[in-house]
Amino acid sequence: MRAQQRGGAAPRSARDAAPIDLTGYWVSYVTENWRYRMVTPAKGEYRRIPSSPAALPLINAWDPAADERAGNQCKSYGAGAIMSV
């Protein structure tokens, strides 16, 4: 068959085909808003959360000790603050 000719060379590996070598350890430099990004907010700390005056009583009603007693101590420390890293 004329349509089927010899195959080409084996394809290059991804590492060989990459234009630069990006291997190594990568770190995220936190240079802005360190206090807000790396420290868990205290009770009543809601400056970075857009909220209305009507929401403040609900925000201030949060009891971290009640979360600990219920086994939900990590619930309030979700991705919201740390994801801005």
Protein backbone atom coordinates (compact mmCIF):
# COMPACT_ATOMS: atom_id res chain seq x y z
CA MET A 1 0.00 0.00 0.00
CA ARG A 2 1.37 3.32 -0.97
CA ALA A 3 -0.55 5.33 1.65
CA GLN A 4 1.17 3.60 4.52
CA GLN A 5 4.78 4.49 4.60
CA ARG A 6 7.35 4.02 7.27
CA GLY A 7 6.51 5.55 10.61
CA GLY A 8 8.41 8.55 11.86
CA ALA A 9 10.65 8.75 14.85
CA ALA A 10 9.23 8.30 18.33
CA PRO A 11 7.76 11.50 19.74
CA ARG A 12 9.91 13.46 22.16
CA SER A 13 9.10 13.25 25.83
CA ALA A 14 7.40 16.23 27.44
CA ARG A 15 10.56 17.03 29.38
CA ASP A 16 12.65 17.10 26.21
CA ALA A 17 10.08 19.15 24.30
CA ALA A 18 9.69 21.82 27.01
CA PRO A 19 11.32 25.16 26.09
CA ILE A 20 12.69 25.65 29.63
CA ASP A 21 13.19 23.44 32.68
CA LEU A 22 10.71 24.40 35.41
CA THR A 23 11.53 21.61 37.84
CA GLY A 24 12.37 22.44 41.42
CA TYR A 25 10.62 23.86 44.43
CA TRP A 26 8.04 26.59 43.91
CA VAL A 27 6.91 28.93 46.65
CA SER A 28 4.28 31.60 46.81
CA TYR A 29 5.70 34.88 48.05
CA VAL A 30 3.21 36.62 50.29
CA THR A 31 4.20 40.26 50.09
CA GLU A 32 0.85 42.04 50.32
CA ASN A 33 -1.81 41.87 53.02
CA TRP A 34 0.20 39.35 55.03
CA ARG A 35 -1.98 39.85 58.11
CA TYR A 36 -5.13 38.96 56.21
CA ARG A 37 -3.72 36.14 54.16
CA MET A 38 -1.63 34.17 56.62
CA VAL A 39 -3.34 34.67 59.97
CA THR A 40 -6.74 33.25 60.77
CA PRO A 41 -9.13 36.11 61.46
CA ALA A 42 -10.28 36.62 65.03
CA LYS A 43 -13.91 36.76 66.05
CA GLY A 44 -15.35 40.08 64.91
CA GLU A 45 -12.74 40.55 62.18
CA TYR A 46 -14.78 41.14 59.05
CA ARG A 47 -13.17 44.13 57.36
CA ARG A 48 -12.46 42.21 54.15
CA ILE A 49 -15.93 40.67 53.91
CA PRO A 50 -18.44 42.75 51.97
CA SER A 51 -21.52 42.89 54.17
CA SER A 52 -24.45 45.10 54.96
CA PRO A 53 -25.23 46.63 58.35
CA ALA A 54 -28.06 44.10 58.66
CA ALA A 55 -25.52 41.25 58.46
CA LEU A 56 -23.34 42.47 61.33
CA PRO A 57 -25.49 40.93 64.13
CA LEU A 58 -25.23 37.55 62.41
CA ILE A 59 -21.47 37.92 61.93
CA ASN A 60 -20.98 38.95 65.56
CA ALA A 61 -23.12 36.03 66.80
CA TRP A 62 -20.53 33.47 65.68
CA ASP A 63 -19.15 31.49 68.62
CA PRO A 64 -15.86 29.73 67.82
CA ALA A 65 -16.03 27.77 71.09
CA ALA A 66 -19.36 26.27 70.01
CA ASP A 67 -17.76 25.17 66.74
CA GLU A 68 -14.95 23.46 68.68
CA ARG A 69 -17.44 21.65 70.93
CA ALA A 70 -19.33 20.42 67.85
CA GLY A 71 -16.13 19.24 66.14
CA ASN A 72 -16.34 21.99 63.50
CA GLN A 73 -13.26 23.95 64.55
CA CYS A 74 -11.99 24.10 60.97
CA LYS A 75 -15.33 25.08 59.42
CA SER A 76 -14.84 28.82 59.86
CA TYR A 77 -11.33 28.72 58.41
CA GLY A 78 -12.31 27.72 54.91
CA ALA A 79 -10.68 28.74 51.70
CA GLY A 80 -11.97 32.30 51.77
CA ALA A 81 -8.97 33.95 53.43
CA ILE A 82 -6.16 31.68 52.33
CA MET A 83 -7.20 31.46 48.67
CA SER A 84 -6.04 35.00 48.06
CA VAL A 85 -2.45 33.76 48.46
